[in-house]
């Protein structure tokens, strides 16, 4: 099975003072956090969950999920 790298975009919302992440590759992904490090940890949990919920990977998938986080501030 080929490894897919999911692209995630994050931008700094200066007004709310949070990082906001979204992705066209991961349907339903919208999350925020005060630091990029915490945001990355949230994404490590959310991305696999959303991929299973959207039937992109099977529920019993044991492989690793790779993502690329592109941030803009």
PDB file of N, CA and C in Angstrom:
ATOM      1  N   UNK A   1       0.851  -1.185   0.000  1.00  0.00           N
ATOM      2  CA  UNK A   1       0.000   0.000   0.000  1.00  0.00           C
ATOM      3  C   UNK A   1       0.895   1.245   0.000  1.00  0.00           C
ATOM      4  N   UNK A   2       0.642   2.155  -0.925  1.00  0.00           N
ATOM      5  CA  UNK A   2       1.421   3.390  -0.985  1.00  0.00           C
ATOM      6  C   UNK A   2       1.072   4.296   0.175  1.00  0.00           C
ATOM      7  N   UNK A   3       2.096   4.960   0.701  1.00  0.00           N
ATOM      8  CA  UNK A   3       1.893   5.897   1.810  1.00  0.00           C
ATOM      9  C   UNK A   3       1.418   7.238   1.252  1.00  0.00           C
ATOM     10  N   UNK A   4       0.277   7.696   1.694  1.00  0.00           N
ATOM     11  CA  UNK A   4      -0.243   9.000   1.311  1.00  0.00           C
ATOM     12  C   UNK A   4       0.162  10.016   2.365  1.00  0.00           C
ATOM     13  N   UNK A   5       0.623  11.167   1.921  1.00  0.00           N
ATOM     14  CA  UNK A   5       0.910  12.261   2.833  1.00  0.00           C
ATOM     15  C   UNK A   5      -0.204  13.282   2.701  1.00  0.00           C
ATOM     16  N   UNK A   6      -0.926  13.509   3.782  1.00  0.00           N
ATOM     17  CA  UNK A   6      -2.050  14.429   3.784  1.00  0.00           C
ATOM     18  C   UNK A   6      -1.541  15.844   4.060  1.00  0.00           C
ATOM     19  N   UNK A   7      -1.961  16.788   3.253  1.00  0.00           N
ATOM     20  CA  UNK A   7      -1.510  18.175   3.390  1.00  0.00           C
ATOM     21  C   UNK A   7      -2.480  18.953   4.280  1.00  0.00           C
ATOM     22  N   UNK A   8      -1.903  19.596   5.292  1.00  0.00           N
ATOM     23  CA  UNK A   8      -2.664  20.379   6.256  1.00  0.00           C
ATOM     24  C   UNK A   8      -2.147  21.813   6.205  1.00  0.00           C
ATOM     25  N   UNK A   9      -3.049  22.776   6.147  1.00  0.00           N
ATOM     26  CA  UNK A   9      -2.670  24.189   6.157  1.00  0.00           C
ATOM     27  C   UNK A   9      -3.028  24.796   7.506  1.00  0.00           C
ATOM     28  N   UNK A  10      -2.112  25.597   8.020  1.00  0.00           N
ATOM     29  CA  UNK A  10      -2.373  26.295   9.283  1.00  0.00           C
ATOM     30  C   UNK A  10      -2.010  27.759   9.119  1.00  0.00           C
ATOM     31  N   UNK A  11      -2.822  28.614   9.711  1.00  0.00           N
ATOM     32  CA  UNK A  11      -2.503  30.042   9.690  1.00  0.00           C
ATOM     33  C   UNK A  11      -2.738  30.620  11.075  1.00  0.00           C
ATOM     34  N   UNK A  12      -2.012  31.676  11.362  1.00  0.00           N
ATOM     35  CA  UNK A  12      -2.139  32.369  12.644  1.00  0.00           C
ATOM     36  C   UNK A  12      -3.272  33.379  12.553  1.00  0.00           C
ATOM     37  N   UNK A  13      -4.265  33.227  13.402  1.00  0.00           N
ATOM     38  CA  UNK A  13      -5.363  34.181  13.496  1.00  0.00           C
ATOM     39  C   UNK A  13      -4.992  35.162  14.598  1.00  0.00           C
ATOM     40  N   UNK A  14      -4.480  36.326  14.203  1.00  0.00           N
ATOM     41  CA  UNK A  14      -3.977  37.305  15.165  1.00  0.00           C
ATOM     42  C   UNK A  14      -5.074  37.825  16.083  1.00  0.00           C
ATOM     43  N   UNK A  15      -6.273  37.961  15.564  1.00  0.00           N
ATOM     44  CA  UNK A  15      -7.369  38.482  16.376  1.00  0.00           C
ATOM     45  C   UNK A  15      -7.736  37.505  17.498  1.00  0.00           C
ATOM     46  N   UNK A  16      -7.843  36.224  17.154  1.00  0.00           N
ATOM     47  CA  UNK A  16      -8.195  35.202  18.149  1.00  0.00           C
ATOM     48  C   UNK A  16      -6.965  34.670  18.888  1.00  0.00           C
ATOM     49  N   UNK A  17      -5.771  34.984  18.367  1.00  0.00           N
ATOM     50  CA  UNK A  17      -4.501  34.520  18.922  1.00  0.00           C
ATOM     51  C   UNK A  17      -4.427  33.002  18.999  1.00  0.00           C
ATOM     52  N   UNK A  18      -4.780  32.346  17.878  1.00  0.00           N
ATOM     53  CA  UNK A  18      -4.702  30.887  17.770  1.00  0.00           C
ATOM     54  C   UNK A  18      -4.229  30.494  16.375  1.00  0.00           C
ATOM     55  N   UNK A  19      -3.655  29.306  16.291  1.00  0.00           N
ATOM     56  CA  UNK A  19      -3.369  28.673  15.007  1.00  0.00           C
ATOM     57  C   UNK A  19      -4.620  27.934  14.576  1.00  0.00           C
ATOM     58  N   UNK A  20      -4.998  28.066  13.318  1.00  0.00           N
ATOM     59  CA  UNK A  20      -6.172  27.394  12.768  1.00  0.00           C
ATOM     60  C   UNK A  20      -5.702  26.463  11.658  1.00  0.00           C
ATOM     61  N   UNK A  21      -6.097  25.199  11.730  1.00  0.00           N
ATOM     62  CA  UNK A  21      -5.699  24.210  10.730  1.00  0.00           C
ATOM     63  C   UNK A  21      -6.918  23.681   9.987  1.00  0.00           C
ATOM     64  N   UNK A  22      -6.765  23.544   8.662  1.00  0.00           N
ATOM     65  CA  UNK A  22      -7.784  22.951   7.806  1.00  0.00           C
ATOM     66  C   UNK A  22      -7.084  22.106   6.746  1.00  0.00           C
ATOM     67  N   UNK A  23      -7.869  21.312   6.016  1.00  0.00           N
ATOM     68  CA  UNK A  23      -7.281  20.487   4.966  1.00  0.00           C
ATOM     69  C   UNK A  23      -8.328  20.077   3.952  1.00  0.00           C
ATOM     70  N   UNK A  24      -7.963  20.159   2.681  1.00  0.00           N
ATOM     71  CA  UNK A  24      -8.826  19.617   1.630  1.00  0.00           C
ATOM     72  C   UNK A  24      -8.672  18.107   1.545  1.00  0.00           C
ATOM     73  N   UNK A  25      -7.543  17.584   2.041  1.00  0.00           N
ATOM     74  CA  UNK A  25      -7.269  16.141   2.002  1.00  0.00           C
ATOM     75  C   UNK A  25      -7.995  15.359   3.095  1.00  0.00           C
ATOM     76  N   UNK A  26      -8.364  16.045   4.179  1.00  0.00           N
ATOM     77  CA  UNK A  26      -9.002  15.388   5.324  1.00  0.00           C
ATOM     78  C   UNK A  26     -10.357  16.058   5.558  1.00  0.00           C
ATOM     79  N   UNK A  27     -11.424  15.502   4.995  1.00  0.00           N
ATOM     80  CA  UNK A  27     -12.750  16.117   5.131  1.00  0.00           C
ATOM     81  C   UNK A  27     -13.136  16.321   6.594  1.00  0.00           C
ATOM     82  N   UNK A  28     -13.645  17.519   6.882  1.00  0.00           N
ATOM     83  CA  UNK A  28     -14.120  17.833   8.219  1.00  0.00           C
ATOM     84  C   UNK A  28     -13.061  18.358   9.169  1.00  0.00           C
ATOM     85  N   UNK A  29     -11.821  18.443   8.718  1.00  0.00           N
ATOM     86  CA  UNK A  29     -10.761  18.898   9.618  1.00  0.00           C
ATOM     87  C   UNK A  29     -10.760  20.415   9.753  1.00  0.00           C
ATOM     88  N   UNK A  30     -11.074  20.869  10.943  1.00  0.00           N
ATOM     89  CA  UNK A  30     -10.945  22.267  11.339  1.00  0.00           C
ATOM     90  C   UNK A  30     -10.654  22.228  12.833  1.00  0.00           C
ATOM     91  N   UNK A  31      -9.499  22.764  13.212  1.00  0.00           N
ATOM     92  CA  UNK A  31      -9.151  22.803  14.630  1.00  0.00           C
ATOM     93  C   UNK A  31      -8.255  23.997  14.884  1.00  0.00           C
ATOM     94  N   UNK A  32      -8.106  24.338  16.152  1.00  0.00           N
ATOM     95  CA  UNK A  32      -7.273  25.481  16.503  1.00  0.00           C
ATOM     96  C   UNK A  32      -6.539  25.197  17.797  1.00  0.00           C
ATOM     97  N   UNK A  33      -5.458  25.950  18.007  1.00  0.00           N
ATOM     98  CA  UNK A  33      -4.678  25.824  19.219  1.00  0.00           C
ATOM     99  C   UNK A  33      -3.817  27.063  19.398  1.00  0.00           C
ATOM    100  N   UNK A  34      -3.407  27.305  20.629  1.00  0.00           N
ATOM    101  CA  UNK A  34      -2.617  28.502  20.920  1.00  0.00           C
ATOM    102  C   UNK A  34      -1.160  28.387  20.467  1.00  0.00           C
ATOM    103  N   UNK A  35      -0.651  27.159  20.308  1.00  0.00           N
ATOM    104  CA  UNK A  35       0.722  26.975  19.830  1.00  0.00           C
ATOM    105  C   UNK A  35       0.743  25.961  18.691  1.00  0.00           C
ATOM    106  N   UNK A  36       1.762  26.066  17.851  1.00  0.00           N
ATOM    107  CA  UNK A  36       1.888  25.138  16.724  1.00  0.00           C
ATOM    108  C   UNK A  36       2.205  23.729  17.224  1.00  0.00           C
ATOM    109  N   UNK A  37       2.904  23.643  18.359  1.00  0.00           N
ATOM    110  CA  UNK A  37       3.241  22.323  18.920  1.00  0.00           C
ATOM    111  C   UNK A  37       1.994  21.585  19.398  1.00  0.00           C
ATOM    112  N   UNK A  38       1.120  22.296  20.100  1.00  0.00           N
ATOM    113  CA  UNK A  38      -0.124  21.675  20.569  1.00  0.00           C
ATOM    114  C   UNK A  38      -1.018  21.349  19.372  1.00  0.00           C
ATOM    115  N   UNK A  39      -1.034  22.223  18.396  1.00  0.00           N
ATOM    116  CA  UNK A  39      -1.811  21.973  17.187  1.00  0.00           C
ATOM    117  C   UNK A  39      -1.347  20.685  16.516  1.00  0.00           C
ATOM    118  N   UNK A  40      -0.054  20.495  16.402  1.00  0.00           N
ATOM    119  CA  UNK A  40       0.500  19.286  15.786  1.00  0.00           C
ATOM    120  C   UNK A  40       0.060  18.039  16.543  1.00  0.00           C
ATOM    121  N   UNK A  41       0.089  18.082  17.859  1.00  0.00           N
ATOM    122  CA  UNK A  41      -0.349  16.928  18.658  1.00  0.00           C
ATOM    123  C   UNK A  41      -1.835  16.646  18.453  1.00  0.00           C
ATOM    124  N   UNK A  42      -2.658  17.683  18.375  1.00  0.00           N
ATOM    125  CA  UNK A  42      -4.085  17.503  18.106  1.00  0.00           C
ATOM    126  C   UNK A  42      -4.291  16.839  16.745  1.00  0.00           C
ATOM    127  N   UNK A  43      -3.507  17.275  15.756  1.00  0.00           N
ATOM    128  CA  UNK A  43      -3.633  16.723  14.410  1.00  0.00           C
ATOM    129  C   UNK A  43      -3.265  15.250  14.374  1.00  0.00           C
ATOM    130  N   UNK A  44      -2.277  14.837  15.161  1.00  0.00           N
ATOM    131  CA  UNK A  44      -1.874  13.419  15.207  1.00  0.00           C
ATOM    132  C   UNK A  44      -3.027  12.524  15.655  1.00  0.00           C
ATOM    133  N   UNK A  45      -3.946  13.068  16.439  1.00  0.00           N
ATOM    134  CA  UNK A  45      -5.108  12.313  16.898  1.00  0.00           C
ATOM    135  C   UNK A  45      -6.277  12.472  15.926  1.00  0.00           C
ATOM    136  N   UNK A  46      -6.539  13.705  15.517  1.00  0.00           N
ATOM    137  CA  UNK A  46      -7.725  13.999  14.709  1.00  0.00           C
ATOM    138  C   UNK A  46      -7.661  13.431  13.294  1.00  0.00           C
ATOM    139  N   UNK A  47      -6.499  13.510  12.653  1.00  0.00           N
ATOM    140  CA  UNK A  47      -6.402  13.079  11.254  1.00  0.00           C
ATOM    141  C   UNK A  47      -6.783  11.603  11.098  1.00  0.00           C
ATOM    142  N   UNK A  48      -6.173  10.686  11.858  1.00  0.00           N
ATOM    143  CA  UNK A  48      -6.589   9.273  11.695  1.00  0.00           C
ATOM    144  C   UNK A  48      -8.069   9.050  11.994  1.00  0.00           C
ATOM    145  N   UNK A  49      -8.589   9.727  13.024  1.00  0.00           N
ATOM    146  CA  UNK A  49     -10.015   9.574  13.357  1.00  0.00           C
ATOM    147  C   UNK A  49     -10.903  10.022  12.201  1.00  0.00           C
ATOM    148  N   UNK A  50     -10.588  11.166  11.601  1.00  0.00           N
ATOM    149  CA  UNK A  50     -11.403  11.673  10.489  1.00  0.00           C
ATOM    150  C   UNK A  50     -11.248  10.817   9.238  1.00  0.00           C
ATOM    151  N   UNK A  51     -10.066  10.277   9.001  1.00  0.00           N
ATOM    152  CA  UNK A  51      -9.877   9.408   7.837  1.00  0.00           C
ATOM    153  C   UNK A  51     -10.716   8.142   7.962  1.00  0.00           C
ATOM    154  N   UNK A  52     -10.826   7.602   9.172  1.00  0.00           N
ATOM    155  CA  UNK A  52     -11.670   6.429   9.394  1.00  0.00           C
ATOM    156  C   UNK A  52     -13.142   6.808   9.250  1.00  0.00           C
ATOM    157  N   UNK A  53     -13.550   7.914   9.884  1.00  0.00           N
ATOM    158  CA  UNK A  53     -14.958   8.335   9.823  1.00  0.00           C
ATOM    159  C   UNK A  53     -15.424   8.619   8.393  1.00  0.00           C
ATOM    160  N   UNK A  54     -14.498   9.087   7.546  1.00  0.00           N
ATOM    161  CA  UNK A  54     -14.829   9.392   6.152  1.00  0.00           C
ATOM    162  C   UNK A  54     -14.556   8.223   5.207  1.00  0.00           C
ATOM    163  N   UNK A  55     -14.276   7.053   5.778  1.00  0.00           N
ATOM    164  CA  UNK A  55     -14.029   5.833   5.000  1.00  0.00           C
ATOM    165  C   UNK A  55     -12.878   5.980   4.013  1.00  0.00           C
ATOM    166  N   UNK A  56     -11.880   6.777   4.388  1.00  0.00           N
ATOM    167  CA  UNK A  56     -10.692   6.936   3.555  1.00  0.00           C
ATOM    168  C   UNK A  56      -9.689   5.837   3.882  1.00  0.00           C
ATOM    169  N   UNK A  57      -9.619   5.462   5.150  1.00  0.00           N
ATOM    170  CA  UNK A  57      -8.843   4.299   5.571  1.00  0.00           C
ATOM    171  C   UNK A  57      -9.784   3.400   6.370  1.00  0.00           C
ATOM    172  N   UNK A  58      -9.555   2.083   6.345  1.00  0.00           N
ATOM    173  CA  UNK A  58     -10.431   1.184   7.100  1.00  0.00           C
ATOM    174  C   UNK A  58     -10.246   1.356   8.606  1.00  0.00           C
ATOM    175  N   UNK A  59     -11.272   1.032   9.370  1.00  0.00           N
ATOM    176  CA  UNK A  59     -11.240   1.192  10.824  1.00  0.00           C
ATOM    177  C   UNK A  59     -10.136   0.361  11.465  1.00  0.00           C
ATOM    178  N   UNK A  60      -9.761  -0.737  10.840  1.00  0.00           N
ATOM    179  CA  UNK A  60      -8.720  -1.603  11.411  1.00  0.00           C
ATOM    180  C   UNK A  60      -7.331  -1.304  10.841  1.00  0.00           C
ATOM    181  N   UNK A  61      -7.166  -0.167  10.181  1.00  0.00           N
ATOM    182  CA  UNK A  61      -5.883   0.214   9.590  1.00  0.00           C
ATOM    183  C   UNK A  61      -4.833   0.381  10.677  1.00  0.00           C
ATOM    184  N   UNK A  62      -3.696  -0.303  10.521  1.00  0.00           N
ATOM    185  CA  UNK A  62      -2.646  -0.270  11.533  1.00  0.00           C
ATOM    186  C   UNK A  62      -1.407   0.490  11.073  1.00  0.00           C
ATOM    187  N   UNK A  63      -1.410   0.991   9.847  1.00  0.00           N
ATOM    188  CA  UNK A  63      -0.252   1.718   9.337  1.00  0.00           C
ATOM    189  C   UNK A  63      -0.170   3.114   9.938  1.00  0.00           C
ATOM    190  N   UNK A  64       0.914   3.778   9.633  1.00  0.00           N
ATOM    191  CA  UNK A  64       1.066   5.146  10.134  1.00  0.00           C
ATOM    192  C   UNK A  64       0.410   6.119   9.158  1.00  0.00           C
ATOM    193  N   UNK A  65      -0.038   7.228   9.681  1.00  0.00           N
ATOM    194  CA  UNK A  65      -0.637   8.291   8.885  1.00  0.00           C
ATOM    195  C   UNK A  65       0.381   9.423   8.802  1.00  0.00           C
ATOM    196  N   UNK A  66       0.731   9.804   7.586  1.00  0.00           N
ATOM    197  CA  UNK A  66       1.722  10.853   7.381  1.00  0.00           C
ATOM    198  C   UNK A  66       1.020  12.139   6.955  1.00  0.00           C
ATOM    199  N   UNK A  67       1.427  13.255   7.582  1.00  0.00           N
ATOM    200  CA  UNK A  67       0.861  14.540   7.157  1.00  0.00           C
ATOM    201  C   UNK A  67       1.935  15.602   7.109  1.00  0.00           C
ATOM    202  N   UNK A  68       1.702  16.576   6.238  1.00  0.00           N
ATOM    203  CA  UNK A  68       2.595  17.709   6.063  1.00  0.00           C
ATOM    204  C   UNK A  68       1.845  18.937   6.528  1.00  0.00           C
ATOM    205  N   UNK A  69       2.407  19.632   7.518  1.00  0.00           N
ATOM    206  CA  UNK A  69       1.782  20.820   8.074  1.00  0.00           C
ATOM    207  C   UNK A  69       2.465  22.049   7.497  1.00  0.00           C
ATOM    208  N   UNK A  70       1.712  22.841   6.748  1.00  0.00           N
ATOM    209  CA  UNK A  70       2.231  24.061   6.131  1.00  0.00           C
ATOM    210  C   UNK A  70       1.636  25.230   6.909  1.00  0.00           C
ATOM    211  N   UNK A  71       2.494  26.010   7.559  1.00  0.00           N
ATOM    212  CA  UNK A  71       1.987  27.082   8.409  1.00  0.00           C
ATOM    213  C   UNK A  71       2.380  28.454   7.853  1.00  0.00           C
ATOM    214  N   UNK A  72       1.493  29.418   8.103  1.00  0.00           N
ATOM    215  CA  UNK A  72       1.690  30.798   7.663  1.00  0.00           C
ATOM    216  C   UNK A  72       1.353  31.722   8.814  1.00  0.00           C
ATOM    217  N   UNK A  73       2.256  32.644   9.095  1.00  0.00           N
ATOM    218  CA  UNK A  73       1.979  33.582  10.187  1.00  0.00           C
ATOM    219  C   UNK A  73       2.156  34.998   9.693  1.00  0.00           C
TER     220      UNK A  73
END
